């Protein structure tokens, strides 16, 4: 919730990826949404 609030206050928009989303779909979502910041559980998930 705090991450969503921070993104909103910075003028951004939240894009979510679920645990069931495939790696290919994750890559597409991140590219298509022009993602600039990622909140991830750990470095492996961020990669």
C-alpha atoms as a PDB file:
ATOM      1  CA  UNK A   1       0.000   0.000   0.000  1.00  0.00           C
ATOM      2  CA  UNK A   2       2.829   2.392   0.803  1.00  0.00           C
ATOM      3  CA  UNK A   3       4.484   1.694  -2.547  1.00  0.00           C
ATOM      4  CA  UNK A   4       1.204   2.465  -4.350  1.00  0.00           C
ATOM      5  CA  UNK A   5       0.822   5.702  -2.408  1.00  0.00           C
ATOM      6  CA  UNK A   6       4.402   6.739  -3.194  1.00  0.00           C
ATOM      7  CA  UNK A   7       3.933   6.027  -6.890  1.00  0.00           C
ATOM      8  CA  UNK A   8       0.691   7.997  -6.911  1.00  0.00           C
ATOM      9  CA  UNK A   9       2.252  10.974  -5.094  1.00  0.00           C
ATOM     10  CA  UNK A  10       5.106  10.978  -7.620  1.00  0.00           C
ATOM     11  CA  UNK A  11       2.591  11.226 -10.476  1.00  0.00           C
ATOM     12  CA  UNK A  12       3.056   7.649 -11.632  1.00  0.00           C
ATOM     13  CA  UNK A  13       0.740   4.731 -12.187  1.00  0.00           C
ATOM     14  CA  UNK A  14       0.934   1.260 -10.675  1.00  0.00           C
ATOM     15  CA  UNK A  15       1.222  -1.778 -12.930  1.00  0.00           C
ATOM     16  CA  UNK A  16       0.901  -5.119 -11.196  1.00  0.00           C
ATOM     17  CA  UNK A  17       2.386  -8.497 -12.030  1.00  0.00           C
ATOM     18  CA  UNK A  18       1.012 -11.560 -10.282  1.00  0.00           C
ATOM     19  CA  UNK A  19       2.974 -14.638  -9.112  1.00  0.00           C
ATOM     20  CA  UNK A  20       1.182 -16.672 -11.776  1.00  0.00           C
ATOM     21  CA  UNK A  21       2.326 -14.346 -14.604  1.00  0.00           C
ATOM     22  CA  UNK A  22       4.835 -16.019 -16.931  1.00  0.00           C
ATOM     23  CA  UNK A  23       8.323 -14.574 -17.443  1.00  0.00           C
ATOM     24  CA  UNK A  24       7.459 -13.683 -21.042  1.00  0.00           C
ATOM     25  CA  UNK A  25       4.317 -11.840 -19.965  1.00  0.00           C
ATOM     26  CA  UNK A  26       6.251 -10.019 -17.219  1.00  0.00           C
ATOM     27  CA  UNK A  27       8.797  -8.808 -19.769  1.00  0.00           C
ATOM     28  CA  UNK A  28       6.020  -7.631 -22.099  1.00  0.00           C
ATOM     29  CA  UNK A  29       4.166  -5.779 -19.320  1.00  0.00           C
ATOM     30  CA  UNK A  30       7.341  -4.030 -18.150  1.00  0.00           C
ATOM     31  CA  UNK A  31       8.320  -2.995 -21.698  1.00  0.00           C
ATOM     32  CA  UNK A  32       4.827  -1.956 -22.755  1.00  0.00           C
ATOM     33  CA  UNK A  33       4.197   0.122 -19.622  1.00  0.00           C
ATOM     34  CA  UNK A  34       7.571   1.917 -19.906  1.00  0.00           C
ATOM     35  CA  UNK A  35       8.348   0.885 -16.329  1.00  0.00           C
ATOM     36  CA  UNK A  36      10.976   3.007 -14.615  1.00  0.00           C
ATOM     37  CA  UNK A  37      10.831   1.732 -11.024  1.00  0.00           C
ATOM     38  CA  UNK A  38      10.294  -1.833  -9.809  1.00  0.00           C
ATOM     39  CA  UNK A  39       9.384  -2.947  -6.289  1.00  0.00           C
ATOM     40  CA  UNK A  40      10.430  -6.593  -6.001  1.00  0.00           C
ATOM     41  CA  UNK A  41      10.653  -9.111  -3.179  1.00  0.00           C
ATOM     42  CA  UNK A  42      14.373  -9.727  -3.754  1.00  0.00           C
ATOM     43  CA  UNK A  43      17.129  -9.264  -6.341  1.00  0.00           C
ATOM     44  CA  UNK A  44      16.294 -12.532  -8.115  1.00  0.00           C
ATOM     45  CA  UNK A  45      12.685 -11.474  -8.612  1.00  0.00           C
ATOM     46  CA  UNK A  46      13.789  -8.070  -9.857  1.00  0.00           C
ATOM     47  CA  UNK A  47      16.077  -9.687 -12.420  1.00  0.00           C
END
